[in-house]
Amino acid sequence: PQAPSTRNDIRDCSADPPYLPPTATNTTMRLALLRGTMRTHGVQAYIVPSTDAHMSEYISERDARLGWLTGFTGSAGTAVVTQDKAALWTDSRYWTQAERELDCNWELQRTTSIESIGMWILKAVPVGGNVSLDSFLFSIDTWNSYSRALYRSGRTLLPLETNLVDQAWGDQRPLPSSSKIYVLPAEFIGSSWQEKVAGIRQQMEQHVQRPTAVLLSGLEETAWLFNLRGDDIPYNPVFYSYTLLTNTTISLFVEESRLSAAARESLRSGCPGPLCVELQEYGQVSAHLRRYAQGNVTVWLGTEYTTYGLYSIIPQEKLLEESYSPVMMAKAVKNAHEQEMLRAAHVRDAVAVIQYLLWLEKTVPQGQVDEFSGAQHINALRWAQNHSHGPSFQSISASG
């Protein structure tokens, strides 16, 4: 047992009564709601990750299920809840933060290994019990790791169609983004989307396995392919979408009402024909893929960005798996115009950084600047630059 904490900014669950700092979130009600939905579904343990359905590095508030359930706002972690226990696993970057944000309903596990999570589950869940999760929030590799951890243990790994945290969260869950999805201005486009589609189709034809379709799950894949941008996720110019590209058809799964007039016009310019983009509801991707996979087809996908939920819809013999889709590989190779744009962006950013360093030289000796005001100032300098859409991540500002 830990000695009682002398610091007052972290929790002390050994004290009587337990001490919680003002930064901790009371999760008693949230856990009770989740446990109620678990009982309804006959689930003994429920695993909650910190990811979204596209394996995005950053997520929207609507997808911050781990944060809502635990109060922990770090970018990486996994929670497991049973009827009488709850634990959070996170890495060393976040241990102090977790002790500030968790209440005493939660055990903090100072590791991220799935073996450790598996061992905890085997102790907490009796033989014959179900361990459940939303398979549309887990990568293929992560699902396989949980399968191995529970293999021959007498516990069943059970994917659920319904997300139990979403059920517990109810109408308090943030609404999906309603902002417009827009076309990238012409001067920033290295190739038209029609040229990009033709290039991917050519790769499909030349591949030894002759895939009939490419499935895109990573949000930047679809944004790059169609030269479209959005702001569904902070610091990332992407929007929620999937794409299924075949030799003759293009299906884009997206909230159609959010497309700007120019975006809709750009996508429909090749209709009818093999360069006509068929717009489908975002939520229809699973049903569409299930129908498509019934034919004599081979689906090419990148395992890094595809969830186990989507992957498991396609029969194994109809899959062409690589770490990255051909779109992700094509996106990584910049043409001359794109290279020029990258350099120009770095020059504009360098101007802001040089202005900032000059400002620091003058301001720091006067004792008028701290890390927070410094971060605000460099953000303002970057925003003032032409074409700025804001930083690509929150400024990390530290001194000393």
Protein backbone atom coordinates (compact mmCIF):
# COMPACT_ATOMS: atom_id res chain seq x y z
CA PRO A 1 0.00 0.00 0.00
CA GLN A 2 1.22 3.48 -0.87
CA ALA A 3 1.98 5.94 1.90
CA PRO A 4 -0.67 8.68 2.15
CA SER A 5 0.05 11.31 -0.46
CA THR A 6 1.58 14.54 0.74
CA ARG A 7 0.58 16.19 -2.54
CA ASN A 8 -2.91 17.61 -2.77
CA ASP A 9 -3.21 17.49 -6.56
CA ILE A 10 -3.44 13.67 -6.81
CA ARG A 11 -5.98 11.27 -5.35
CA ASP A 12 -5.40 9.27 -2.17
CA CYS A 13 -7.75 6.29 -2.08
CA SER A 14 -6.13 4.84 1.07
CA ALA A 15 -7.21 7.81 3.20
CA ASP A 16 -10.46 7.62 5.17
CA PRO A 17 -12.43 9.18 3.64
CA PRO A 18 -10.54 8.99 0.32
CA TYR A 19 -9.04 12.27 -0.86
CA LEU A 20 -9.87 13.44 -4.40
CA PRO A 21 -8.38 16.57 -5.96
CA PRO A 22 -10.77 19.04 -7.64
CA THR A 23 -9.56 17.77 -11.05
CA ALA A 24 -11.02 14.26 -10.45
CA THR A 25 -14.31 13.28 -12.11
CA ASN A 26 -17.08 11.51 -10.18
CA THR A 27 -17.75 8.42 -12.33
CA THR A 28 -20.09 6.50 -9.99
CA MET A 29 -23.23 7.25 -12.03
CA ARG A 30 -21.52 6.63 -15.38
CA LEU A 31 -20.26 3.23 -14.23
CA ALA A 32 -23.70 2.33 -12.89
CA LEU A 33 -25.27 3.15 -16.29
CA LEU A 34 -22.63 1.11 -18.16
CA ARG A 35 -23.01 -1.84 -15.79
CA GLY A 36 -26.77 -1.75 -16.34
CA THR A 37 -26.32 -2.05 -20.13
CA MET A 38 -23.73 -4.82 -19.57
CA ARG A 39 -26.26 -6.83 -17.55
CA THR A 40 -28.87 -6.33 -20.29
CA HIS A 41 -26.44 -7.79 -22.85
CA GLY A 42 -25.16 -10.58 -20.58
CA VAL A 43 -21.61 -9.18 -20.54
CA GLN A 44 -19.24 -9.83 -17.61
CA ALA A 45 -16.42 -7.51 -18.74
CA TYR A 46 -16.37 -4.65 -21.25
CA ILE A 47 -13.22 -3.23 -22.87
CA VAL A 48 -13.15 0.47 -23.81
CA PRO A 49 -10.28 1.80 -26.00
CA SER A 50 -9.19 5.40 -26.69
CA THR A 51 -9.57 5.08 -30.49
CA ASP A 52 -12.27 5.82 -33.07
CA ALA A 53 -13.61 3.69 -35.94
CA HIS A 54 -10.80 4.86 -38.28
CA MET A 55 -7.82 4.22 -35.98
CA SER A 56 -7.20 7.99 -35.93
CA GLU A 57 -4.33 9.33 -33.83
CA TYR A 58 -6.56 12.22 -32.71
CA ILE A 59 -10.28 11.78 -32.04
CA SER A 60 -13.34 14.02 -31.82
CA GLU A 61 -15.20 14.76 -28.56
CA ARG A 62 -18.00 12.49 -29.75
CA ASP A 63 -15.56 9.56 -29.88
CA ALA A 64 -13.93 10.29 -26.50
CA ARG A 65 -15.70 7.35 -24.82
CA LEU A 66 -12.76 6.52 -22.55
CA GLY A 67 -12.58 10.15 -21.39
CA TRP A 68 -16.30 10.31 -20.63
CA LEU A 69 -16.38 7.02 -18.75
CA THR A 70 -13.22 7.49 -16.65
CA GLY A 71 -12.63 11.25 -16.50
CA PHE A 72 -9.09 10.58 -17.81
CA THR A 73 -8.28 12.88 -20.74
CA GLY A 74 -4.90 11.50 -21.87
CA SER A 75 -4.63 10.52 -25.54
CA ALA A 76 -3.84 6.82 -24.95
CA GLY A 77 -5.40 4.27 -22.63
CA THR A 78 -7.69 1.27 -22.23
CA ALA A 79 -10.38 0.68 -19.61
CA VAL A 80 -11.98 -2.59 -18.53
CA VAL A 81 -15.17 -2.63 -16.47
CA THR A 82 -16.79 -5.58 -14.66
CA GLN A 83 -19.79 -5.52 -12.32
CA ASP A 84 -17.58 -4.81 -9.30
CA LYS A 85 -14.24 -3.56 -10.67
CA ALA A 86 -12.92 -0.94 -13.06
CA ALA A 87 -9.34 -0.44 -14.22
CA LEU A 88 -7.46 1.91 -16.55
CA TRP A 89 -4.20 1.05 -18.33
CA THR A 90 -2.00 3.88 -19.61
CA ASP A 91 1.69 4.62 -20.23
CA SER A 92 4.18 6.61 -18.14
CA ARG A 93 3.43 9.93 -19.89
CA TYR A 94 0.05 9.94 -18.14
CA TRP A 95 0.46 8.34 -14.71
CA THR A 96 0.44 11.64 -12.80
CA GLN A 97 -2.40 12.99 -14.92
CA ALA A 98 -4.45 9.83 -14.29
CA GLU A 99 -3.95 10.18 -10.51
CA ARG A 100 -5.29 13.74 -10.81
CA GLU A 101 -8.32 12.85 -12.96
CA LEU A 102 -9.52 9.41 -11.79
CA ASP A 103 -11.75 8.93 -8.76
CA CYS A 104 -11.45 5.92 -6.45
CA ASN A 105 -13.75 3.76 -8.57
CA TRP A 106 -10.70 3.10 -10.76
CA GLU A 107 -7.53 1.06 -10.38
CA LEU A 108 -4.63 2.58 -12.31
CA GLN A 109 -2.50 -0.03 -14.11
CA ARG A 110 0.90 1.40 -15.02
CA THR A 111 1.39 -0.52 -18.27
CA THR A 112 -0.30 -0.78 -21.66
CA SER A 113 0.43 -4.42 -22.50
CA ILE A 114 -2.50 -6.52 -23.63
CA GLU A 115 -0.98 -9.44 -21.69
CA SER A 116 -1.43 -7.40 -18.51
CA ILE A 117 -5.04 -6.53 -19.45
CA GLY A 118 -5.68 -10.21 -20.25
CA MET A 119 -4.29 -11.36 -16.86
CA TRP A 120 -6.51 -8.84 -15.05
CA ILE A 121 -9.57 -10.04 -17.00
CA LEU A 122 -8.81 -13.71 -16.20
CA LYS A 123 -8.74 -12.85 -12.47
CA ALA A 124 -11.87 -10.67 -12.63
CA VAL A 125 -14.09 -12.80 -14.92
CA PRO A 126 -15.00 -16.39 -13.95
CA VAL A 127 -14.72 -19.28 -16.43
CA GLY A 128 -17.71 -19.24 -18.76
CA GLY A 129 -17.91 -15.45 -18.71
CA ASN A 130 -18.17 -13.12 -21.71
CA VAL A 131 -15.60 -10.41 -22.41
CA SER A 132 -17.12 -7.93 -24.81
CA LEU A 133 -16.09 -4.98 -26.97
CA ASP A 134 -17.09 -2.92 -29.99
CA SER A 135 -15.05 -4.56 -32.77
CA PHE A 136 -15.38 -1.38 -34.89
CA LEU A 137 -13.05 0.39 -32.40
CA PHE A 138 -10.23 -2.19 -32.41
CA SER A 139 -7.50 -2.73 -34.97
CA ILE A 140 -7.08 -6.18 -36.47
CA ASP A 141 -3.80 -6.65 -34.54
CA THR A 142 -5.34 -5.57 -31.22
CA TRP A 143 -8.31 -7.92 -31.65
CA ASN A 144 -5.92 -10.80 -32.41
CA SER A 145 -3.87 -9.95 -29.29
CA TYR A 146 -6.99 -10.13 -27.08
CA SER A 147 -7.96 -13.41 -28.78
CA ARG A 148 -4.55 -14.87 -27.91
CA ALA A 149 -4.67 -13.52 -24.33
CA LEU A 150 -8.03 -15.26 -23.68
CA TYR A 151 -7.38 -18.37 -25.81
CA ARG A 152 -8.45 -21.62 -24.11
CA SER A 153 -9.21 -19.72 -20.88
CA GLY A 154 -12.91 -20.61 -20.87
CA ARG A 155 -13.81 -16.93 -21.42
CA THR A 156 -15.48 -15.86 -24.68
CA LEU A 157 -14.41 -12.73 -26.60
CA LEU A 158 -17.73 -11.40 -27.84
CA PRO A 159 -18.00 -8.57 -30.41
CA LEU A 160 -21.17 -6.49 -30.01
CA GLU A 161 -22.92 -4.47 -32.73
CA THR A 162 -24.04 -1.92 -30.12
CA ASN A 163 -21.51 0.27 -28.31
CA LEU A 164 -22.41 0.00 -24.61
CA VAL A 165 -20.65 3.23 -23.61
CA ASP A 166 -22.71 5.12 -26.23
CA GLN A 167 -25.87 3.61 -24.71
CA ALA A 168 -24.85 4.72 -21.21
CA TRP A 169 -23.76 8.17 -22.46
CA GLY A 170 -27.14 8.64 -24.14
CA ASP A 171 -28.21 12.14 -25.21
CA GLN A 172 -25.32 13.71 -23.27
CA ARG A 173 -22.95 12.46 -25.98
CA PRO A 174 -21.71 15.32 -28.22
CA LEU A 175 -23.44 15.60 -31.59
CA PRO A 176 -21.58 14.71 -34.80
CA SER A 177 -19.95 17.59 -36.66
CA SER A 178 -22.22 19.51 -39.01
CA SER A 179 -19.56 21.76 -40.60
CA LYS A 180 -19.10 21.76 -44.38
CA ILE A 181 -16.77 19.39 -46.21
CA TYR A 182 -14.97 21.54 -48.77
CA VAL A 183 -12.80 21.18 -51.89
CA LEU A 184 -9.09 21.93 -51.53
CA PRO A 185 -8.30 25.13 -53.51
CA ALA A 186 -6.91 24.36 -57.00
CA GLU A 187 -3.46 25.85 -56.32
CA PHE A 188 -2.84 23.26 -53.55
CA ILE A 189 -3.83 20.21 -55.57
CA GLY A 190 -1.01 18.07 -56.96
CA SER A 191 -3.29 15.85 -59.09
CA SER A 192 -7.02 15.83 -59.80
CA TRP A 193 -8.99 13.17 -57.93
CA GLN A 194 -9.79 11.53 -61.28
CA GLU A 195 -6.04 11.11 -61.94
CA LYS A 196 -5.56 9.64 -58.47
CA VAL A 197 -8.42 7.15 -58.99
CA ALA A 198 -6.96 6.14 -62.38
CA GLY A 199 -3.56 5.55 -60.71
CA ILE A 200 -5.07 3.30 -58.01
CA ARG A 201 -7.09 1.35 -60.58
CA GLN A 202 -3.92 0.82 -62.59
CA GLN A 203 -2.24 -0.62 -59.48
CA MET A 204 -5.22 -2.95 -58.99
CA GLU A 205 -4.86 -4.24 -62.56
CA GLN A 206 -1.11 -4.72 -62.23
CA HIS A 207 -1.24 -6.51 -58.85
CA VAL A 208 -0.57 -10.25 -59.09
CA GLN A 209 -3.76 -10.97 -57.09
CA ARG A 210 -5.92 -8.73 -59.29
CA PRO A 211 -8.09 -7.22 -56.50
CA THR A 212 -11.55 -6.07 -57.60
CA ALA A 213 -11.85 -3.33 -54.92
CA VAL A 214 -9.86 -1.18 -52.51
CA LEU A 215 -11.41 -0.38 -49.10
CA LEU A 216 -10.31 2.90 -47.47
CA SER A 217 -10.87 3.32 -43.71
CA GLY A 218 -8.21 5.88 -42.76
CA LEU A 219 -9.77 9.36 -42.84
CA GLU A 220 -6.76 10.93 -44.55
CA GLU A 221 -7.00 8.32 -47.35
CA THR A 222 -10.44 9.47 -48.51
CA ALA A 223 -9.62 13.17 -47.95
CA TRP A 224 -6.46 12.82 -50.10
CA LEU A 225 -8.10 10.74 -52.82
CA PHE A 226 -10.93 13.22 -53.50
CA ASN A 227 -9.01 16.45 -52.66
CA LEU A 228 -11.59 17.21 -49.95
CA ARG A 229 -11.07 18.55 -46.44
CA GLY A 230 -13.13 18.97 -43.26
CA ASP A 231 -12.64 19.73 -39.56
CA ASP A 232 -14.32 16.84 -37.75
CA ILE A 233 -11.24 16.22 -35.57
CA PRO A 234 -9.17 18.95 -33.88
CA TYR A 235 -5.82 19.66 -35.63
CA ASN A 236 -6.71 17.33 -38.53
CA PRO A 237 -8.32 18.51 -41.81
CA VAL A 238 -10.41 15.32 -42.23
CA PHE A 239 -14.05 14.21 -42.14
CA TYR A 240 -15.79 10.93 -41.26
CA SER A 241 -15.90 8.73 -44.33
CA TYR A 242 -15.12 5.39 -45.95
CA THR A 243 -14.49 4.64 -49.63
CA LEU A 244 -14.96 1.45 -51.63
CA LEU A 245 -13.26 1.84 -55.01
CA THR A 246 -13.78 -0.86 -57.66
CA ASN A 247 -12.66 -1.07 -61.30
CA THR A 248 -15.92 0.51 -62.47
CA THR A 249 -17.57 2.15 -59.44
CA ILE A 250 -16.71 4.55 -56.59
CA SER A 251 -18.74 4.49 -53.37
CA LEU A 252 -18.13 7.29 -50.86
CA PHE A 253 -19.75 6.78 -47.45
CA VAL A 254 -20.24 10.23 -45.95
CA GLU A 255 -22.95 12.49 -44.50
CA GLU A 256 -24.08 13.91 -47.86
CA SER A 257 -25.78 17.02 -46.44
CA ARG A 258 -22.38 18.24 -45.22
CA LEU A 259 -20.77 18.38 -48.67
CA SER A 260 -20.39 21.93 -49.98
CA ALA A 261 -22.01 22.66 -53.36
CA ALA A 262 -18.54 22.68 -54.98
CA ALA A 263 -17.64 19.36 -53.34
CA ARG A 264 -20.84 17.71 -54.56
CA GLU A 265 -20.31 19.12 -58.05
CA SER A 266 -16.72 17.87 -58.15
CA LEU A 267 -17.74 14.34 -57.14
CA ARG A 268 -20.68 14.15 -59.55
CA SER A 269 -18.84 15.60 -62.56
CA GLY A 270 -18.17 12.15 -64.06
CA CYS A 271 -21.75 10.85 -63.83
CA PRO A 272 -22.81 8.53 -65.26
CA GLY A 273 -19.70 6.38 -65.75
CA PRO A 274 -16.69 4.82 -63.96
CA LEU A 275 -15.66 8.27 -62.59
CA CYS A 276 -19.06 8.94 -61.00
CA VAL A 277 -18.90 8.97 -57.19
CA GLU A 278 -21.96 7.31 -55.67
CA LEU A 279 -22.74 8.96 -52.33
CA GLN A 280 -23.92 6.60 -49.59
CA GLU A 281 -24.79 7.19 -45.94
CA TYR A 282 -21.75 6.93 -43.65
CA GLY A 283 -23.48 4.30 -41.48
CA GLN A 284 -24.19 2.01 -44.45
CA VAL A 285 -20.59 0.89 -45.03
CA SER A 286 -20.93 -2.47 -43.21
CA ALA A 287 -24.14 -3.46 -45.00
CA HIS A 288 -22.71 -2.41 -48.39
CA LEU A 289 -19.47 -4.30 -47.79
CA ARG A 290 -21.38 -7.41 -46.67
CA ARG A 291 -23.36 -7.40 -49.95
CA TYR A 292 -20.26 -6.74 -52.05
CA ALA A 293 -18.29 -9.56 -50.37
CA GLN A 294 -20.92 -12.13 -51.46
CA GLY A 295 -19.70 -11.86 -55.08
CA ASN A 296 -16.59 -13.24 -56.78
CA VAL A 297 -14.39 -10.44 -55.41
CA THR A 298 -11.04 -9.64 -53.76
CA VAL A 299 -10.88 -6.63 -51.43
CA TRP A 300 -7.51 -4.88 -50.98
CA LEU A 301 -7.11 -3.09 -47.65
CA GLY A 302 -4.48 -1.64 -45.31
CA THR A 303 -4.54 -3.44 -41.98
CA GLU A 304 -3.13 -0.41 -40.08
CA TYR A 305 -6.35 1.60 -40.48
CA THR A 306 -9.05 -1.05 -40.87
CA THR A 307 -10.97 -2.11 -37.77
CA TYR A 308 -11.56 -5.76 -36.96
CA GLY A 309 -15.30 -5.08 -37.31
CA LEU A 310 -15.01 -4.20 -41.03
CA TYR A 311 -12.27 -6.75 -41.70
CA SER A 312 -14.34 -9.62 -40.28
CA ILE A 313 -17.19 -8.92 -42.74
CA ILE A 314 -15.02 -10.05 -45.67
CA PRO A 315 -14.33 -13.81 -45.98
CA GLN A 316 -10.62 -14.55 -45.48
CA GLU A 317 -10.15 -15.97 -48.99
CA LYS A 318 -11.51 -12.72 -50.51
CA LEU A 319 -8.98 -10.47 -48.77
CA LEU A 320 -5.75 -8.92 -50.00
CA GLU A 321 -4.06 -7.59 -46.86
CA GLU A 322 -1.10 -5.21 -46.72
CA SER A 323 -0.05 -2.91 -43.87
CA TYR A 324 -1.01 0.16 -45.93
CA SER A 325 -3.52 0.52 -48.75
CA PRO A 326 -2.30 1.59 -52.22
CA VAL A 327 -3.86 5.01 -51.53
CA MET A 328 -1.75 5.47 -48.37
CA MET A 329 1.35 4.49 -50.35
CA ALA A 330 0.51 6.84 -53.25
CA LYS A 331 -0.22 9.68 -50.80
CA ALA A 332 3.28 9.28 -49.32
CA VAL A 333 4.96 10.07 -52.66
CA LYS A 334 4.76 13.81 -53.36
CA ASN A 335 4.96 15.17 -56.92
CA ALA A 336 6.93 18.33 -57.82
CA HIS A 337 4.00 20.69 -57.15
CA GLU A 338 3.25 19.09 -53.76
CA GLN A 339 6.93 19.31 -52.80
CA GLU A 340 6.91 23.00 -53.69
CA MET A 341 3.79 23.52 -51.53
CA LEU A 342 5.42 21.69 -48.60
CA ARG A 343 8.52 23.87 -48.79
CA ALA A 344 6.43 27.05 -49.02
CA ALA A 345 4.42 26.00 -45.95
CA HIS A 346 7.63 25.39 -44.00
CA VAL A 347 8.99 28.80 -44.98
CA ARG A 348 5.78 30.48 -43.73
CA ASP A 349 5.99 28.48 -40.49
CA ALA A 350 9.68 29.36 -40.09
CA VAL A 351 8.77 33.06 -40.29
CA ALA A 352 6.36 32.59 -37.37
CA VAL A 353 8.98 30.68 -35.34
CA ILE A 354 11.65 33.35 -35.97
CA GLN A 355 9.19 36.09 -34.94
CA TYR A 356 8.48 34.07 -31.80
CA LEU A 357 12.17 33.64 -30.89
CA LEU A 358 12.71 37.39 -31.33
CA TRP A 359 9.69 38.09 -29.12
CA LEU A 360 11.00 35.70 -26.46
CA GLU A 361 14.43 37.41 -26.44
CA LYS A 362 12.76 40.72 -25.67
CA THR A 363 10.00 39.51 -23.34
CA VAL A 364 11.58 36.82 -21.15
CA PRO A 365 14.12 39.18 -19.44
CA GLN A 366 11.17 41.40 -18.42
CA GLY A 367 9.61 38.40 -16.60
CA GLN A 368 6.36 38.80 -18.54
CA VAL A 369 6.01 35.39 -20.19
CA ASP A 370 5.22 31.86 -19.00
CA GLU A 371 4.82 28.61 -20.95
CA PHE A 372 1.09 29.15 -21.50
CA SER A 373 1.25 32.74 -22.76
CA GLY A 374 4.22 31.69 -24.93
CA ALA A 375 2.16 28.95 -26.57
CA GLN A 376 -0.72 31.39 -27.14
CA HIS A 377 1.65 33.87 -28.78
CA ILE A 378 3.21 31.41 -31.22
CA ASN A 379 -0.29 30.19 -32.15
CA ALA A 380 -1.29 33.79 -32.93
CA LEU A 381 1.83 34.29 -35.07
CA ARG A 382 1.07 31.11 -37.03
CA TRP A 383 -2.58 32.07 -37.53
CA ALA A 384 -1.42 35.41 -38.97
CA GLN A 385 0.42 33.61 -41.77
CA ASN A 386 -1.28 33.27 -45.15
CA HIS A 387 -3.32 30.05 -45.70
CA SER A 388 -3.10 29.05 -41.99
CA HIS A 389 -5.78 26.64 -40.76
CA GLY A 390 -4.20 26.42 -37.29
CA PRO A 391 -1.50 24.15 -35.84
CA SER A 392 -1.24 20.41 -36.56
CA PHE A 393 -1.19 19.65 -32.82
CA GLN A 394 -1.57 21.61 -29.60
CA SER A 395 1.64 23.55 -28.90
CA ILE A 396 3.86 21.70 -26.44
CA SER A 397 5.48 24.52 -24.49
CA ALA A 398 7.96 23.99 -21.66
CA SER A 399 11.01 25.71 -20.18
CA GLY A 400 13.56 24.90 -17.54
